[in-house]
Amino acid sequence: MPKIADIQETPNPNAVKFILKEPVSYGTSHSFKTAESAKEDKFANSIFEVGNVVSVFYMDKMVTVEKTDDAEWDEILPELAVPIRAAEAVASSNGTRAAAAAVGGAIAAAASDDPVLAEINELLDDRIRPYLASDGGWLEIVGLDENTNTLSIRYEGACGSCPSSLTGTLMAIENMIREEIHPDITVIAV
């Protein structure tokens, strides 16, 4: 059972980030924007069952929970701590490129052998994702359409509903990719 090391505010006033001492996943992100979408995930479902939860995002040793506008953090935080502490820590990670490719979307993009996607992922890992994670969010590449040079990304966690992620951050990511990787790539959030 993971212990909570810290609870941090995020730039999104309706989201907080729980830092855990043990991982609840290894390198894979899990994002749920509705209670219905979390029904098959025991951990996320238990957080939604607390009530007043809009979304749940978790990966490694981080869990980000977004609450409803009318819920108060002083009331909901102690209730959220219960299922988070009760979660089972993950013992190891496993998975293959073939399985990832079969799933498609963000998982396939992350496991792709495409050198442009690899370069973009490296840039995001070095310069963008650490900052998003520090604010309780994340960013996944959904895919790169080579016909239109359009890179589709998806914001997760606190970034998923934060207005600045859809404006300033998105433009900064596109500018970095255009300057350092390819001048014709357009970045869109999906």
C-alpha atoms as a PDB file:
ATOM      1  CA  MET A   1       0.000   0.000   0.000  1.00  0.00           C
ATOM      2  CA  PRO A   2       1.485   3.320  -1.078  1.00  0.00           C
ATOM      3  CA  LYS A   3       2.083   5.948   1.538  1.00  0.00           C
ATOM      4  CA  ILE A   4       1.405   9.562   0.669  1.00  0.00           C
ATOM      5  CA  ALA A   5       4.656  11.538   0.784  1.00  0.00           C
ATOM      6  CA  ASP A   6       3.138  14.916  -0.076  1.00  0.00           C
ATOM      7  CA  ILE A   7       0.039  16.655  -1.412  1.00  0.00           C
ATOM      8  CA  GLN A   8       0.725  19.588  -3.716  1.00  0.00           C
ATOM      9  CA  GLU A   9      -1.420  22.269  -5.268  1.00  0.00           C
ATOM     10  CA  THR A  10      -1.327  22.630  -9.053  1.00  0.00           C
ATOM     11  CA  PRO A  11      -1.891  25.675 -11.264  1.00  0.00           C
ATOM     12  CA  ASN A  12      -5.390  24.286 -11.792  1.00  0.00           C
ATOM     13  CA  PRO A  13      -7.283  25.289  -8.596  1.00  0.00           C
ATOM     14  CA  ASN A  14      -9.555  22.254  -8.924  1.00  0.00           C
ATOM     15  CA  ALA A  15      -6.702  19.721  -9.060  1.00  0.00           C
ATOM     16  CA  VAL A  16      -4.173  18.452  -6.529  1.00  0.00           C
ATOM     17  CA  LYS A  17      -1.228  16.119  -6.940  1.00  0.00           C
ATOM     18  CA  PHE A  18      -0.516  13.318  -4.468  1.00  0.00           C
ATOM     19  CA  ILE A  19       3.142  12.263  -4.370  1.00  0.00           C
ATOM     20  CA  LEU A  20       3.489   8.643  -3.250  1.00  0.00           C
ATOM     21  CA  LYS A  21       6.362   6.719  -1.695  1.00  0.00           C
ATOM     22  CA  GLU A  22       5.606   3.606  -3.789  1.00  0.00           C
ATOM     23  CA  PRO A  23       4.546   3.477  -7.455  1.00  0.00           C
ATOM     24  CA  VAL A  24       1.033   2.642  -8.589  1.00  0.00           C
ATOM     25  CA  SER A  25       2.296   2.144 -12.165  1.00  0.00           C
ATOM     26  CA  TYR A  26       5.649   2.052 -13.944  1.00  0.00           C
ATOM     27  CA  GLY A  27       6.042   4.394 -16.877  1.00  0.00           C
ATOM     28  CA  THR A  28       2.431   4.085 -17.996  1.00  0.00           C
ATOM     29  CA  SER A  29      -0.085   6.824 -17.461  1.00  0.00           C
ATOM     30  CA  HIS A  30      -3.727   6.196 -16.671  1.00  0.00           C
ATOM     31  CA  SER A  31      -6.249   8.948 -17.274  1.00  0.00           C
ATOM     32  CA  PHE A  32      -9.967   8.881 -16.552  1.00  0.00           C
ATOM     33  CA  LYS A  33     -12.215  11.826 -17.341  1.00  0.00           C
ATOM     34  CA  THR A  34     -15.414  10.209 -16.034  1.00  0.00           C
ATOM     35  CA  ALA A  35     -16.398   7.712 -13.377  1.00  0.00           C
ATOM     36  CA  GLU A  36     -17.819   5.503 -16.123  1.00  0.00           C
ATOM     37  CA  SER A  37     -14.458   5.327 -17.924  1.00  0.00           C
ATOM     38  CA  ALA A  38     -12.823   4.207 -14.645  1.00  0.00           C
ATOM     39  CA  LYS A  39     -15.177   1.281 -13.938  1.00  0.00           C
ATOM     40  CA  GLU A  40     -12.604  -1.314 -15.069  1.00  0.00           C
ATOM     41  CA  ASP A  41      -9.725   0.292 -13.147  1.00  0.00           C
ATOM     42  CA  LYS A  42     -10.019  -0.645  -9.476  1.00  0.00           C
ATOM     43  CA  PHE A  43      -7.764   2.167  -8.259  1.00  0.00           C
ATOM     44  CA  ALA A  44      -9.310   5.023 -10.276  1.00  0.00           C
ATOM     45  CA  ASN A  45     -12.819   3.738  -9.590  1.00  0.00           C
ATOM     46  CA  SER A  46     -12.181   3.819  -5.834  1.00  0.00           C
ATOM     47  CA  ILE A  47     -11.176   7.490  -6.109  1.00  0.00           C
ATOM     48  CA  PHE A  48     -14.291   8.402  -8.111  1.00  0.00           C
ATOM     49  CA  GLU A  49     -16.413   6.638  -5.491  1.00  0.00           C
ATOM     50  CA  VAL A  50     -15.361   9.299  -2.960  1.00  0.00           C
ATOM     51  CA  GLY A  51     -17.622  11.706  -4.875  1.00  0.00           C
ATOM     52  CA  ASN A  52     -17.072  15.223  -6.173  1.00  0.00           C
ATOM     53  CA  VAL A  53     -14.305  13.921  -8.480  1.00  0.00           C
ATOM     54  CA  VAL A  54     -14.161  15.110 -12.093  1.00  0.00           C
ATOM     55  CA  SER A  55     -11.031  13.266 -13.274  1.00  0.00           C
ATOM     56  CA  VAL A  56      -8.242  10.968 -12.089  1.00  0.00           C
ATOM     57  CA  PHE A  57      -4.762  10.693 -13.568  1.00  0.00           C
ATOM     58  CA  TYR A  58      -1.968   8.514 -12.239  1.00  0.00           C
ATOM     59  CA  MET A  59       1.450   7.277 -13.210  1.00  0.00           C
ATOM     60  CA  ASP A  60       4.485   6.055 -11.320  1.00  0.00           C
ATOM     61  CA  LYS A  61       4.414   7.742  -7.889  1.00  0.00           C
ATOM     62  CA  MET A  62       1.925  10.492  -8.744  1.00  0.00           C
ATOM     63  CA  VAL A  63      -1.867  10.734  -8.588  1.00  0.00           C
ATOM     64  CA  THR A  64      -3.685  13.864  -9.726  1.00  0.00           C
ATOM     65  CA  VAL A  65      -7.328  14.313  -8.781  1.00  0.00           C
ATOM     66  CA  GLU A  66      -9.588  17.039 -10.124  1.00  0.00           C
ATOM     67  CA  LYS A  67     -12.629  17.948  -8.040  1.00  0.00           C
ATOM     68  CA  THR A  68     -15.940  19.593  -8.878  1.00  0.00           C
ATOM     69  CA  ASP A  69     -16.152  23.372  -8.589  1.00  0.00           C
ATOM     70  CA  ASP A  70     -18.422  23.271  -5.549  1.00  0.00           C
ATOM     71  CA  ALA A  71     -16.382  20.771  -3.474  1.00  0.00           C
ATOM     72  CA  GLU A  72     -13.982  22.139  -0.859  1.00  0.00           C
ATOM     73  CA  TRP A  73     -10.457  20.706  -0.602  1.00  0.00           C
ATOM     74  CA  ASP A  74     -10.576  20.758   3.218  1.00  0.00           C
ATOM     75  CA  GLU A  75     -13.491  18.321   3.090  1.00  0.00           C
ATOM     76  CA  ILE A  76     -12.504  16.085   0.178  1.00  0.00           C
ATOM     77  CA  LEU A  77      -8.739  15.625   0.767  1.00  0.00           C
ATOM     78  CA  PRO A  78      -9.077  13.360   3.841  1.00  0.00           C
ATOM     79  CA  GLU A  79     -11.628  11.253   1.960  1.00  0.00           C
ATOM     80  CA  LEU A  80      -9.381  10.960  -1.118  1.00  0.00           C
ATOM     81  CA  ALA A  81      -6.441   9.835   0.996  1.00  0.00           C
ATOM     82  CA  VAL A  82      -8.264   6.633   1.994  1.00  0.00           C
ATOM     83  CA  PRO A  83      -8.407   4.900  -1.434  1.00  0.00           C
ATOM     84  CA  ILE A  84      -4.997   6.270  -2.409  1.00  0.00           C
ATOM     85  CA  ARG A  85      -3.400   4.743   0.698  1.00  0.00           C
ATOM     86  CA  ALA A  86      -5.306   1.492   0.107  1.00  0.00           C
ATOM     87  CA  ALA A  87      -4.016   1.074  -3.457  1.00  0.00           C
ATOM     88  CA  GLU A  88      -1.681  -1.762  -4.242  1.00  0.00           C
ATOM     89  CA  ALA A  89       1.865  -0.754  -5.120  1.00  0.00           C
ATOM     90  CA  VAL A  90       3.075  -2.106  -8.459  1.00  0.00           C
ATOM     91  CA  ALA A  91       5.869  -4.654  -8.201  1.00  0.00           C
ATOM     92  CA  SER A  92       7.276  -4.409 -11.727  1.00  0.00           C
ATOM     93  CA  SER A  93       6.588  -3.258 -15.231  1.00  0.00           C
ATOM     94  CA  ASN A  94       6.203  -5.299 -18.361  1.00  0.00           C
ATOM     95  CA  GLY A  95       5.092  -4.888 -21.962  1.00  0.00           C
ATOM     96  CA  THR A  96       6.417  -5.154 -25.478  1.00  0.00           C
ATOM     97  CA  ARG A  97       6.609  -3.033 -28.602  1.00  0.00           C
ATOM     98  CA  ALA A  98       4.376  -5.475 -30.455  1.00  0.00           C
ATOM     99  CA  ALA A  99       1.672  -5.242 -27.797  1.00  0.00           C
ATOM    100  CA  ALA A 100       1.947  -1.450 -27.786  1.00  0.00           C
ATOM    101  CA  ALA A 101       1.639  -1.257 -31.551  1.00  0.00           C
ATOM    102  CA  ALA A 102      -1.448  -3.470 -31.429  1.00  0.00           C
ATOM    103  CA  VAL A 103      -3.127  -1.091 -28.982  1.00  0.00           C
ATOM    104  CA  GLY A 104      -2.393   1.978 -31.115  1.00  0.00           C
ATOM    105  CA  GLY A 105      -2.733   5.647 -30.196  1.00  0.00           C
ATOM    106  CA  ALA A 106      -0.455   7.088 -27.518  1.00  0.00           C
ATOM    107  CA  ILE A 107       0.971   3.689 -26.569  1.00  0.00           C
ATOM    108  CA  ALA A 108       1.976   2.941 -30.154  1.00  0.00           C
ATOM    109  CA  ALA A 109       3.452   6.435 -30.574  1.00  0.00           C
ATOM    110  CA  ALA A 110       5.578   5.977 -27.464  1.00  0.00           C
ATOM    111  CA  ALA A 111       6.863   2.608 -28.696  1.00  0.00           C
ATOM    112  CA  SER A 112       7.293   3.685 -32.326  1.00  0.00           C
ATOM    113  CA  ASP A 113      10.556   3.236 -34.216  1.00  0.00           C
ATOM    114  CA  ASP A 114       9.891   6.471 -36.147  1.00  0.00           C
ATOM    115  CA  PRO A 115      13.024   8.636 -35.683  1.00  0.00           C
ATOM    116  CA  VAL A 116      11.020  11.897 -35.805  1.00  0.00           C
ATOM    117  CA  LEU A 117       8.667  10.691 -33.054  1.00  0.00           C
ATOM    118  CA  ALA A 118      11.670   9.508 -31.044  1.00  0.00           C
ATOM    119  CA  GLU A 119      13.272  12.944 -31.369  1.00  0.00           C
ATOM    120  CA  ILE A 120      10.017  14.686 -30.399  1.00  0.00           C
ATOM    121  CA  ASN A 121       9.567  12.371 -27.395  1.00  0.00           C
ATOM    122  CA  GLU A 122      13.138  13.088 -26.289  1.00  0.00           C
ATOM    123  CA  LEU A 123      12.537  16.833 -26.542  1.00  0.00           C
ATOM    124  CA  LEU A 124       9.286  16.524 -24.566  1.00  0.00           C
ATOM    125  CA  ASP A 125      10.985  14.316 -21.943  1.00  0.00           C
ATOM    126  CA  ASP A 126      13.800  16.818 -21.486  1.00  0.00           C
ATOM    127  CA  ARG A 127      12.020  20.147 -21.706  1.00  0.00           C
ATOM    128  CA  ILE A 128       8.242  19.817 -21.225  1.00  0.00           C
ATOM    129  CA  ARG A 129       7.077  16.723 -19.336  1.00  0.00           C
ATOM    130  CA  PRO A 130       9.084  17.389 -16.129  1.00  0.00           C
ATOM    131  CA  TYR A 131       7.365  20.763 -15.748  1.00  0.00           C
ATOM    132  CA  LEU A 132       3.935  19.338 -16.484  1.00  0.00           C
ATOM    133  CA  ALA A 133       4.530  16.509 -13.992  1.00  0.00           C
ATOM    134  CA  SER A 134       5.581  19.000 -11.332  1.00  0.00           C
ATOM    135  CA  ASP A 135       2.146  20.589 -11.779  1.00  0.00           C
ATOM    136  CA  GLY A 136       0.295  17.259 -11.610  1.00  0.00           C
ATOM    137  CA  GLY A 137      -0.071  16.741 -15.338  1.00  0.00           C
ATOM    138  CA  TRP A 138       1.408  14.948 -18.280  1.00  0.00           C
ATOM    139  CA  LEU A 139       1.468  14.943 -22.054  1.00  0.00           C
ATOM    140  CA  GLU A 140       1.217  12.013 -24.431  1.00  0.00           C
ATOM    141  CA  ILE A 141       1.821  11.895 -28.144  1.00  0.00           C
ATOM    142  CA  VAL A 142      -1.215  10.386 -29.827  1.00  0.00           C
ATOM    143  CA  GLY A 143       0.311  10.292 -33.281  1.00  0.00           C
ATOM    144  CA  LEU A 144       2.051  12.083 -36.118  1.00  0.00           C
ATOM    145  CA  ASP A 145       0.202  12.343 -39.418  1.00  0.00           C
ATOM    146  CA  GLU A 146       3.012  12.362 -41.972  1.00  0.00           C
ATOM    147  CA  ASN A 147       0.677  13.552 -44.753  1.00  0.00           C
ATOM    148  CA  THR A 148      -0.218  16.784 -42.967  1.00  0.00           C
ATOM    149  CA  ASN A 149       2.766  17.044 -40.578  1.00  0.00           C
ATOM    150  CA  THR A 150       0.290  17.276 -37.708  1.00  0.00           C
ATOM    151  CA  LEU A 151       1.380  16.051 -34.291  1.00  0.00           C
ATOM    152  CA  SER A 152      -1.568  15.148 -32.059  1.00  0.00           C
ATOM    153  CA  ILE A 153      -0.960  15.349 -28.316  1.00  0.00           C
ATOM    154  CA  ARG A 154      -3.169  14.737 -25.303  1.00  0.00           C
ATOM    155  CA  TYR A 155      -2.823  16.540 -21.994  1.00  0.00           C
ATOM    156  CA  GLU A 156      -3.435  14.428 -18.895  1.00  0.00           C
ATOM    157  CA  GLY A 157      -4.048  15.098 -15.211  1.00  0.00           C
ATOM    158  CA  ALA A 158      -4.254  18.701 -14.043  1.00  0.00           C
ATOM    159  CA  CYS A 159      -3.171  19.865 -17.506  1.00  0.00           C
ATOM    160  CA  GLY A 160      -6.200  18.269 -19.160  1.00  0.00           C
ATOM    161  CA  SER A 161      -8.572  21.005 -18.013  1.00  0.00           C
ATOM    162  CA  CYS A 162      -6.122  23.867 -17.506  1.00  0.00           C
ATOM    163  CA  PRO A 163      -6.698  26.773 -19.919  1.00  0.00           C
ATOM    164  CA  SER A 164      -2.977  27.566 -20.211  1.00  0.00           C
ATOM    165  CA  SER A 165      -2.229  24.084 -21.570  1.00  0.00           C
ATOM    166  CA  LEU A 166      -4.455  24.722 -24.571  1.00  0.00           C
ATOM    167  CA  THR A 167      -2.930  28.100 -25.361  1.00  0.00           C
ATOM    168  CA  GLY A 168       0.549  29.094 -24.169  1.00  0.00           C
ATOM    169  CA  THR A 169       1.958  25.631 -23.535  1.00  0.00           C
ATOM    170  CA  LEU A 170       0.675  24.265 -26.835  1.00  0.00           C
ATOM    171  CA  MET A 171       2.205  27.176 -28.758  1.00  0.00           C
ATOM    172  CA  ALA A 172       5.514  26.802 -26.898  1.00  0.00           C
ATOM    173  CA  ILE A 173       5.654  23.086 -27.716  1.00  0.00           C
ATOM    174  CA  GLU A 174       4.923  23.748 -31.390  1.00  0.00           C
ATOM    175  CA  ASN A 175       7.568  26.484 -31.554  1.00  0.00           C
ATOM    176  CA  MET A 176      10.202  24.228 -29.937  1.00  0.00           C
ATOM    177  CA  ILE A 177       9.447  21.365 -32.298  1.00  0.00           C
ATOM    178  CA  ARG A 178       9.512  23.668 -35.333  1.00  0.00           C
ATOM    179  CA  GLU A 179      12.826  25.235 -34.301  1.00  0.00           C
ATOM    180  CA  GLU A 180      14.608  22.056 -33.243  1.00  0.00           C
ATOM    181  CA  ILE A 181      13.084  19.175 -35.205  1.00  0.00           C
ATOM    182  CA  HIS A 182      10.994  20.127 -38.233  1.00  0.00           C
ATOM    183  CA  PRO A 183       9.803  23.598 -39.336  1.00  0.00           C
ATOM    184  CA  ASP A 184       6.490  22.413 -40.810  1.00  0.00           C
ATOM    185  CA  ILE A 185       5.038  20.409 -37.904  1.00  0.00           C
ATOM    186  CA  THR A 186       1.753  21.669 -36.488  1.00  0.00           C
ATOM    187  CA  VAL A 187       0.786  20.566 -32.971  1.00  0.00           C
ATOM    188  CA  ILE A 188      -2.818  20.050 -31.923  1.00  0.00           C
ATOM    189  CA  ALA A 189      -4.338  18.934 -28.636  1.00  0.00           C
ATOM    190  CA  VAL A 190      -6.978  16.221 -28.846  1.00  0.00           C
END
